[in-house]
Amino acid sequence: MAELMNREEFRAALEEAIKGKSANQAPFSKAWATGKLSRAHLARWAENHYHYVGPFADYLGYIYARMPDRYTEAKDFLLANMYEEEIGGDRHTDLLIRFAEACGTTRERVIDPDNMSPTTRGLQAWCYSVAMREDPIVAVAGLVVGLESQVPSIYRKQTPTLREKYQFTDEEVEFFDLHIVSDEIHGERGYQIVLEHADTPELQQRCLKICEIGAQMRLLYTTALYYDYVAHELPLPELELAA
């Protein structure tokens, strides 16, 4: 039977659960970071990504509603995160649509759910399921630690390429700049909530498992984008050779 880990041990275990499963390892991410994608490929990414991140405030809302009232700081974090997503300045999905339009697609195509792939639909459904059904602390581990905390490391590799290779303007890539900063803060707050409130061996193990699954889900989603939209134009051997 697993024993209760102290905060340092548990933090290391959470990080290890994600390690090696980053979406940076997906061929779509590698092609993006090395400037091998076309603007049309990036448009397909945006059309899919909208349906994953667009409901993020909804996911957090379900967790907020079920978070015990005594966990005041955790509830405050979730509420602040929802506020930032929706009304704390520019709506994050509007920034994503701005980028999508710069790639050549339209707002209408982005918001149309028929334009997301089956794998994206699966990731969205998984997020809703975790938010609505899991223990709230486990849900924070899955969605904030397993998914959201990855974002800065992913976008730090991709955003310079958007400016240098594709010549997007600062305004057009604001979505990425914003999330490099905000999701680093959100990810760390997620870690702190899980470290504080996963206070039994069983709860710690559930948090570790869902972090691993969350990282796998994002990696699967990003990998599917390559096979759905890029592979016929840029086969893996060519991508690996170019990298």
C-alpha atoms as a PDB file:
ATOM      1  CA  MET A   1       0.000   0.000   0.000  1.00  0.00           C
ATOM      2  CA  ALA A   2       1.272   3.469  -0.866  1.00  0.00           C
ATOM      3  CA  GLU A   3       2.295   5.719   2.000  1.00  0.00           C
ATOM      4  CA  LEU A   4       1.513   9.408   2.418  1.00  0.00           C
ATOM      5  CA  MET A   5       4.254  11.458   0.753  1.00  0.00           C
ATOM      6  CA  ASN A   6       5.509  14.752   2.114  1.00  0.00           C
ATOM      7  CA  ARG A   7       5.119  17.866  -0.061  1.00  0.00           C
ATOM      8  CA  GLU A   8       8.568  17.608  -1.632  1.00  0.00           C
ATOM      9  CA  GLU A   9       8.140  13.947  -2.529  1.00  0.00           C
ATOM     10  CA  PHE A  10       4.628  14.496  -3.833  1.00  0.00           C
ATOM     11  CA  ARG A  11       5.677  17.503  -5.954  1.00  0.00           C
ATOM     12  CA  ALA A  12       8.467  15.456  -7.527  1.00  0.00           C
ATOM     13  CA  ALA A  13       6.060  12.595  -8.189  1.00  0.00           C
ATOM     14  CA  LEU A  14       3.538  14.922  -9.863  1.00  0.00           C
ATOM     15  CA  GLU A  15       6.232  16.335 -12.123  1.00  0.00           C
ATOM     16  CA  GLU A  16       7.435  12.830 -12.933  1.00  0.00           C
ATOM     17  CA  ALA A  17       3.888  11.773 -13.866  1.00  0.00           C
ATOM     18  CA  ILE A  18       3.901  14.402 -16.626  1.00  0.00           C
ATOM     19  CA  LYS A  19       7.543  14.059 -17.654  1.00  0.00           C
ATOM     20  CA  GLY A  20       8.103  12.490 -21.040  1.00  0.00           C
ATOM     21  CA  LYS A  21       4.482  13.014 -22.092  1.00  0.00           C
ATOM     22  CA  SER A  22       4.657  16.690 -23.004  1.00  0.00           C
ATOM     23  CA  ALA A  23       2.801  17.752 -26.125  1.00  0.00           C
ATOM     24  CA  ASN A  24       6.160  19.192 -27.237  1.00  0.00           C
ATOM     25  CA  GLN A  25       6.994  15.614 -28.247  1.00  0.00           C
ATOM     26  CA  ALA A  26       4.158  15.429 -30.781  1.00  0.00           C
ATOM     27  CA  PRO A  27       5.160  15.665 -34.459  1.00  0.00           C
ATOM     28  CA  PHE A  28       2.765  18.599 -34.946  1.00  0.00           C
ATOM     29  CA  SER A  29       4.581  20.540 -32.190  1.00  0.00           C
ATOM     30  CA  LYS A  30       7.991  19.681 -33.629  1.00  0.00           C
ATOM     31  CA  ALA A  31       6.930  20.794 -37.094  1.00  0.00           C
ATOM     32  CA  TRP A  32       5.563  24.031 -35.630  1.00  0.00           C
ATOM     33  CA  ALA A  33       8.688  24.810 -33.598  1.00  0.00           C
ATOM     34  CA  THR A  34      10.915  24.255 -36.633  1.00  0.00           C
ATOM     35  CA  GLY A  35       8.758  26.326 -38.985  1.00  0.00           C
ATOM     36  CA  LYS A  36       7.641  23.426 -41.183  1.00  0.00           C
ATOM     37  CA  LEU A  37       3.901  24.060 -40.925  1.00  0.00           C
ATOM     38  CA  SER A  38       1.928  26.263 -43.296  1.00  0.00           C
ATOM     39  CA  ARG A  39      -0.476  28.956 -42.168  1.00  0.00           C
ATOM     40  CA  ALA A  40      -3.265  26.624 -43.260  1.00  0.00           C
ATOM     41  CA  HIS A  41      -1.985  24.003 -40.802  1.00  0.00           C
ATOM     42  CA  LEU A  42      -1.923  26.603 -38.033  1.00  0.00           C
ATOM     43  CA  ALA A  43      -5.495  27.557 -38.941  1.00  0.00           C
ATOM     44  CA  ARG A  44      -6.578  23.939 -38.464  1.00  0.00           C
ATOM     45  CA  TRP A  45      -4.854  23.982 -35.066  1.00  0.00           C
ATOM     46  CA  ALA A  46      -6.786  27.092 -34.067  1.00  0.00           C
ATOM     47  CA  GLU A  47     -10.090  25.612 -35.236  1.00  0.00           C
ATOM     48  CA  ASN A  48      -9.463  22.616 -32.995  1.00  0.00           C
ATOM     49  CA  HIS A  49      -7.872  24.385 -30.073  1.00  0.00           C
ATOM     50  CA  TYR A  50     -10.876  26.658 -29.667  1.00  0.00           C
ATOM     51  CA  HIS A  51     -13.042  23.672 -28.757  1.00  0.00           C
ATOM     52  CA  TYR A  52     -10.550  22.426 -26.171  1.00  0.00           C
ATOM     53  CA  VAL A  53      -9.727  25.715 -24.419  1.00  0.00           C
ATOM     54  CA  GLY A  54     -12.935  27.583 -25.210  1.00  0.00           C
ATOM     55  CA  PRO A  55     -14.902  25.770 -22.472  1.00  0.00           C
ATOM     56  CA  PHE A  56     -12.043  25.962 -19.933  1.00  0.00           C
ATOM     57  CA  ALA A  57     -13.978  28.375 -17.717  1.00  0.00           C
ATOM     58  CA  ASP A  58     -16.886  25.903 -17.851  1.00  0.00           C
ATOM     59  CA  TYR A  59     -14.626  23.066 -16.700  1.00  0.00           C
ATOM     60  CA  LEU A  60     -13.399  25.219 -13.816  1.00  0.00           C
ATOM     61  CA  GLY A  61     -16.959  26.240 -12.989  1.00  0.00           C
ATOM     62  CA  TYR A  62     -17.985  22.636 -12.423  1.00  0.00           C
ATOM     63  CA  ILE A  63     -14.993  22.116 -10.146  1.00  0.00           C
ATOM     64  CA  TYR A  64     -15.732  25.363  -8.290  1.00  0.00           C
ATOM     65  CA  ALA A  65     -19.318  24.317  -7.629  1.00  0.00           C
ATOM     66  CA  ARG A  66     -18.184  21.069  -5.993  1.00  0.00           C
ATOM     67  CA  MET A  67     -15.083  22.359  -4.169  1.00  0.00           C
ATOM     68  CA  PRO A  68     -15.671  22.233  -0.374  1.00  0.00           C
ATOM     69  CA  ASP A  69     -16.422  25.683   1.049  1.00  0.00           C
ATOM     70  CA  ARG A  70     -13.628  25.289   3.612  1.00  0.00           C
ATOM     71  CA  TYR A  71     -11.077  25.310   0.763  1.00  0.00           C
ATOM     72  CA  THR A  72     -11.465  29.068   0.386  1.00  0.00           C
ATOM     73  CA  GLU A  73      -8.161  29.698  -1.369  1.00  0.00           C
ATOM     74  CA  ALA A  74      -8.806  26.948  -3.906  1.00  0.00           C
ATOM     75  CA  LYS A  75     -12.267  28.342  -4.696  1.00  0.00           C
ATOM     76  CA  ASP A  76     -10.818  31.848  -5.015  1.00  0.00           C
ATOM     77  CA  PHE A  77      -8.198  30.583  -7.468  1.00  0.00           C
ATOM     78  CA  LEU A  78     -10.801  28.846  -9.626  1.00  0.00           C
ATOM     79  CA  LEU A  79     -13.014  31.914  -9.649  1.00  0.00           C
ATOM     80  CA  ALA A  80     -10.098  34.197 -10.564  1.00  0.00           C
ATOM     81  CA  ASN A  81      -9.036  31.812 -13.321  1.00  0.00           C
ATOM     82  CA  MET A  82     -12.555  31.832 -14.769  1.00  0.00           C
ATOM     83  CA  TYR A  83     -12.619  35.635 -14.601  1.00  0.00           C
ATOM     84  CA  GLU A  84      -9.327  35.908 -16.481  1.00  0.00           C
ATOM     85  CA  GLU A  85     -10.526  33.527 -19.178  1.00  0.00           C
ATOM     86  CA  GLU A  86     -13.771  35.353 -19.857  1.00  0.00           C
ATOM     87  CA  ILE A  87     -13.896  38.990 -18.730  1.00  0.00           C
ATOM     88  CA  GLY A  88     -10.573  39.989 -17.142  1.00  0.00           C
ATOM     89  CA  GLY A  89      -9.430  42.036 -20.135  1.00  0.00           C
ATOM     90  CA  ASP A  90      -9.604  40.523 -23.611  1.00  0.00           C
ATOM     91  CA  ARG A  91     -11.545  37.270 -23.720  1.00  0.00           C
ATOM     92  CA  HIS A  92      -8.988  34.535 -24.321  1.00  0.00           C
ATOM     93  CA  THR A  93     -11.031  32.899 -27.053  1.00  0.00           C
ATOM     94  CA  ASP A  94     -11.220  36.232 -28.905  1.00  0.00           C
ATOM     95  CA  LEU A  95      -7.421  36.383 -28.908  1.00  0.00           C
ATOM     96  CA  LEU A  96      -7.334  32.844 -30.295  1.00  0.00           C
ATOM     97  CA  ILE A  97      -9.805  33.792 -33.032  1.00  0.00           C
ATOM     98  CA  ARG A  98      -7.667  36.831 -33.881  1.00  0.00           C
ATOM     99  CA  PHE A  99      -4.723  34.497 -34.440  1.00  0.00           C
ATOM    100  CA  ALA A 100      -6.911  32.097 -36.438  1.00  0.00           C
ATOM    101  CA  GLU A 101      -8.056  34.888 -38.748  1.00  0.00           C
ATOM    102  CA  ALA A 102      -4.419  35.906 -39.286  1.00  0.00           C
ATOM    103  CA  CYS A 103      -3.818  32.307 -40.409  1.00  0.00           C
ATOM    104  CA  GLY A 104      -6.521  32.626 -43.053  1.00  0.00           C
ATOM    105  CA  THR A 105      -9.577  31.046 -41.480  1.00  0.00           C
ATOM    106  CA  THR A 106     -12.731  32.746 -40.174  1.00  0.00           C
ATOM    107  CA  ARG A 107     -14.506  33.202 -36.874  1.00  0.00           C
ATOM    108  CA  GLU A 108     -17.406  31.186 -38.261  1.00  0.00           C
ATOM    109  CA  ARG A 109     -15.167  28.213 -39.038  1.00  0.00           C
ATOM    110  CA  VAL A 110     -13.431  28.408 -35.661  1.00  0.00           C
ATOM    111  CA  ILE A 111     -16.597  28.332 -33.586  1.00  0.00           C
ATOM    112  CA  ASP A 112     -18.258  25.620 -35.726  1.00  0.00           C
ATOM    113  CA  PRO A 113     -17.867  22.322 -33.814  1.00  0.00           C
ATOM    114  CA  ASP A 114     -18.020  20.388 -37.081  1.00  0.00           C
ATOM    115  CA  ASN A 115     -14.491  21.622 -37.791  1.00  0.00           C
ATOM    116  CA  MET A 116     -12.838  19.861 -34.861  1.00  0.00           C
ATOM    117  CA  SER A 117     -11.370  16.404 -35.189  1.00  0.00           C
ATOM    118  CA  PRO A 118     -12.754  13.374 -33.323  1.00  0.00           C
ATOM    119  CA  THR A 119      -9.683  13.378 -31.075  1.00  0.00           C
ATOM    120  CA  THR A 120     -10.289  17.004 -30.112  1.00  0.00           C
ATOM    121  CA  ARG A 121     -13.890  16.120 -29.336  1.00  0.00           C
ATOM    122  CA  GLY A 122     -12.582  13.324 -27.112  1.00  0.00           C
ATOM    123  CA  LEU A 123     -10.254  15.683 -25.220  1.00  0.00           C
ATOM    124  CA  GLN A 124     -13.089  18.143 -24.661  1.00  0.00           C
ATOM    125  CA  ALA A 125     -15.358  15.363 -23.393  1.00  0.00           C
ATOM    126  CA  TRP A 126     -12.621  14.085 -21.066  1.00  0.00           C
ATOM    127  CA  CYS A 127     -12.185  17.558 -19.584  1.00  0.00           C
ATOM    128  CA  TYR A 128     -15.917  17.870 -18.944  1.00  0.00           C
ATOM    129  CA  SER A 129     -16.020  14.393 -17.417  1.00  0.00           C
ATOM    130  CA  VAL A 130     -13.120  15.101 -15.052  1.00  0.00           C
ATOM    131  CA  ALA A 131     -14.565  18.457 -14.022  1.00  0.00           C
ATOM    132  CA  MET A 132     -18.040  17.090 -13.351  1.00  0.00           C
ATOM    133  CA  ARG A 133     -17.293  13.680 -11.826  1.00  0.00           C
ATOM    134  CA  GLU A 134     -13.885  13.535 -10.149  1.00  0.00           C
ATOM    135  CA  ASP A 135     -13.074  14.627  -6.623  1.00  0.00           C
ATOM    136  CA  PRO A 136     -12.455  18.415  -6.973  1.00  0.00           C
ATOM    137  CA  ILE A 137      -8.814  18.124  -5.895  1.00  0.00           C
ATOM    138  CA  VAL A 138      -8.248  15.297  -8.360  1.00  0.00           C
ATOM    139  CA  ALA A 139      -9.925  17.423 -11.039  1.00  0.00           C
ATOM    140  CA  VAL A 140      -7.550  20.319 -10.313  1.00  0.00           C
ATOM    141  CA  ALA A 141      -4.650  17.888 -10.639  1.00  0.00           C
ATOM    142  CA  GLY A 142      -5.895  16.660 -14.010  1.00  0.00           C
ATOM    143  CA  LEU A 143      -6.910  19.919 -15.649  1.00  0.00           C
ATOM    144  CA  VAL A 144      -4.611  22.503 -14.062  1.00  0.00           C
ATOM    145  CA  VAL A 145      -1.482  20.474 -13.274  1.00  0.00           C
ATOM    146  CA  GLY A 146      -1.720  17.792 -15.968  1.00  0.00           C
ATOM    147  CA  LEU A 147      -2.866  20.116 -18.774  1.00  0.00           C
ATOM    148  CA  GLU A 148      -2.589  23.833 -18.013  1.00  0.00           C
ATOM    149  CA  SER A 149       0.840  23.749 -16.372  1.00  0.00           C
ATOM    150  CA  GLN A 150       2.331  22.422 -19.644  1.00  0.00           C
ATOM    151  CA  VAL A 151       1.334  25.455 -21.666  1.00  0.00           C
ATOM    152  CA  PRO A 152       4.269  27.813 -20.985  1.00  0.00           C
ATOM    153  CA  SER A 153       6.866  25.215 -22.006  1.00  0.00           C
ATOM    154  CA  ILE A 154       4.925  24.478 -25.206  1.00  0.00           C
ATOM    155  CA  TYR A 155       4.340  28.084 -26.244  1.00  0.00           C
ATOM    156  CA  ARG A 156       7.899  29.166 -25.427  1.00  0.00           C
ATOM    157  CA  LYS A 157       9.051  26.841 -28.208  1.00  0.00           C
ATOM    158  CA  GLN A 158       6.354  27.858 -30.681  1.00  0.00           C
ATOM    159  CA  THR A 159       5.903  31.612 -30.232  1.00  0.00           C
ATOM    160  CA  PRO A 160       9.365  32.730 -31.422  1.00  0.00           C
ATOM    161  CA  THR A 161       8.783  30.772 -34.637  1.00  0.00           C
ATOM    162  CA  LEU A 162       5.465  32.566 -35.172  1.00  0.00           C
ATOM    163  CA  ARG A 163       7.281  35.894 -35.155  1.00  0.00           C
ATOM    164  CA  GLU A 164      10.543  34.950 -36.876  1.00  0.00           C
ATOM    165  CA  LYS A 165       9.394  32.423 -39.486  1.00  0.00           C
ATOM    166  CA  TYR A 166       5.769  33.344 -40.128  1.00  0.00           C
ATOM    167  CA  GLN A 167       6.061  37.082 -39.443  1.00  0.00           C
ATOM    168  CA  PHE A 168       2.963  37.353 -37.278  1.00  0.00           C
ATOM    169  CA  THR A 169       2.595  40.645 -35.439  1.00  0.00           C
ATOM    170  CA  ASP A 170       2.644  41.034 -31.658  1.00  0.00           C
ATOM    171  CA  GLU A 171      -1.100  41.654 -31.719  1.00  0.00           C
ATOM    172  CA  GLU A 172      -1.729  38.477 -33.705  1.00  0.00           C
ATOM    173  CA  VAL A 173       0.251  36.285 -31.274  1.00  0.00           C
ATOM    174  CA  GLU A 174      -1.033  37.914 -28.073  1.00  0.00           C
ATOM    175  CA  PHE A 175      -2.886  34.694 -27.224  1.00  0.00           C
ATOM    176  CA  PHE A 176       0.430  32.890 -26.832  1.00  0.00           C
ATOM    177  CA  ASP A 177       2.261  35.659 -24.978  1.00  0.00           C
ATOM    178  CA  LEU A 178      -0.600  35.917 -22.496  1.00  0.00           C
ATOM    179  CA  HIS A 179      -0.685  32.206 -21.750  1.00  0.00           C
ATOM    180  CA  ILE A 180       3.061  31.885 -21.281  1.00  0.00           C
ATOM    181  CA  VAL A 181       2.664  34.224 -18.309  1.00  0.00           C
ATOM    182  CA  SER A 182      -0.804  33.417 -16.982  1.00  0.00           C
ATOM    183  CA  ASP A 183      -0.596  29.635 -17.218  1.00  0.00           C
ATOM    184  CA  GLU A 184       2.742  29.582 -15.405  1.00  0.00           C
ATOM    185  CA  ILE A 185       0.963  31.279 -12.495  1.00  0.00           C
ATOM    186  CA  HIS A 186      -2.118  29.064 -12.825  1.00  0.00           C
ATOM    187  CA  GLY A 187      -0.065  25.904 -13.040  1.00  0.00           C
ATOM    188  CA  GLU A 188       1.868  26.732  -9.890  1.00  0.00           C
ATOM    189  CA  ARG A 189      -1.329  27.568  -7.993  1.00  0.00           C
ATOM    190  CA  GLY A 190      -2.749  24.243  -9.155  1.00  0.00           C
ATOM    191  CA  TYR A 191       0.302  22.460  -7.783  1.00  0.00           C
ATOM    192  CA  GLN A 192      -0.077  24.225  -4.431  1.00  0.00           C
ATOM    193  CA  ILE A 193      -3.766  23.316  -4.146  1.00  0.00           C
ATOM    194  CA  VAL A 194      -3.053  19.657  -4.882  1.00  0.00           C
ATOM    195  CA  LEU A 195      -0.036  19.544  -2.556  1.00  0.00           C
ATOM    196  CA  GLU A 196      -2.079  21.015   0.297  1.00  0.00           C
ATOM    197  CA  HIS A 197      -5.356  19.158  -0.054  1.00  0.00           C
ATOM    198  CA  ALA A 198      -4.409  15.718  -1.395  1.00  0.00           C
ATOM    199  CA  ASP A 199      -3.855  14.623   2.187  1.00  0.00           C
ATOM    200  CA  THR A 200      -4.304  10.848   2.022  1.00  0.00           C
ATOM    201  CA  PRO A 201      -2.272   8.200   0.186  1.00  0.00           C
ATOM    202  CA  GLU A 202      -5.313   7.262  -1.867  1.00  0.00           C
ATOM    203  CA  LEU A 203      -5.978  10.848  -2.933  1.00  0.00           C
ATOM    204  CA  GLN A 204      -2.323  11.413  -3.789  1.00  0.00           C
ATOM    205  CA  GLN A 205      -2.284   8.330  -5.991  1.00  0.00           C
ATOM    206  CA  ARG A 206      -5.448   9.421  -7.783  1.00  0.00           C
ATOM    207  CA  CYS A 207      -3.899  12.834  -8.437  1.00  0.00           C
ATOM    208  CA  LEU A 208      -0.737  11.253  -9.817  1.00  0.00           C
ATOM    209  CA  LYS A 209      -2.707   8.998 -12.129  1.00  0.00           C
ATOM    210  CA  ILE A 210      -4.920  11.740 -13.511  1.00  0.00           C
ATOM    211  CA  CYS A 211      -1.905  14.005 -14.117  1.00  0.00           C
ATOM    212  CA  GLU A 212      -0.379  11.239 -16.183  1.00  0.00           C
ATOM    213  CA  ILE A 213      -3.629  10.722 -18.092  1.00  0.00           C
ATOM    214  CA  GLY A 214      -4.048  14.470 -18.653  1.00  0.00           C
ATOM    215  CA  ALA A 215      -0.583  14.740 -20.148  1.00  0.00           C
ATOM    216  CA  GLN A 216      -1.294  11.699 -22.327  1.00  0.00           C
ATOM    217  CA  MET A 217      -4.569  13.224 -23.505  1.00  0.00           C
ATOM    218  CA  ARG A 218      -2.915  16.474 -24.612  1.00  0.00           C
ATOM    219  CA  LEU A 219      -0.112  14.554 -26.329  1.00  0.00           C
ATOM    220  CA  LEU A 220      -2.684  12.375 -28.125  1.00  0.00           C
ATOM    221  CA  TYR A 221      -4.693  15.426 -29.203  1.00  0.00           C
ATOM    222  CA  THR A 222      -1.618  17.207 -30.565  1.00  0.00           C
ATOM    223  CA  THR A 223      -0.354  14.074 -32.310  1.00  0.00           C
ATOM    224  CA  ALA A 224      -3.752  13.610 -33.975  1.00  0.00           C
ATOM    225  CA  LEU A 225      -3.498  17.106 -35.456  1.00  0.00           C
ATOM    226  CA  TYR A 226      -0.400  15.999 -37.346  1.00  0.00           C
ATOM    227  CA  TYR A 227      -2.027  12.861 -38.750  1.00  0.00           C
ATOM    228  CA  ASP A 228      -5.305  14.626 -39.556  1.00  0.00           C
ATOM    229  CA  TYR A 229      -3.879  17.690 -41.295  1.00  0.00           C
ATOM    230  CA  VAL A 230      -0.130  17.463 -41.968  1.00  0.00           C
ATOM    231  CA  ALA A 231       1.083  13.888 -42.534  1.00  0.00           C
ATOM    232  CA  HIS A 232       0.031  13.701 -46.189  1.00  0.00           C
ATOM    233  CA  GLU A 233       2.123  16.795 -46.942  1.00  0.00           C
ATOM    234  CA  LEU A 234       5.001  16.251 -44.519  1.00  0.00           C
ATOM    235  CA  PRO A 235       5.624  12.547 -43.798  1.00  0.00           C
ATOM    236  CA  LEU A 236       7.407  11.709 -40.570  1.00  0.00           C
ATOM    237  CA  PRO A 237      10.743  10.783 -42.203  1.00  0.00           C
ATOM    238  CA  GLU A 238      10.866  14.213 -43.868  1.00  0.00           C
ATOM    239  CA  LEU A 239       9.957  15.931 -40.612  1.00  0.00           C
ATOM    240  CA  GLU A 240      12.599  14.054 -38.676  1.00  0.00           C
ATOM    241  CA  LEU A 241      15.195  14.788 -41.330  1.00  0.00           C
ATOM    242  CA  ALA A 242      14.279  18.475 -41.331  1.00  0.00           C
ATOM    243  CA  ALA A 243      14.475  18.639 -37.527  1.00  0.00           C
END
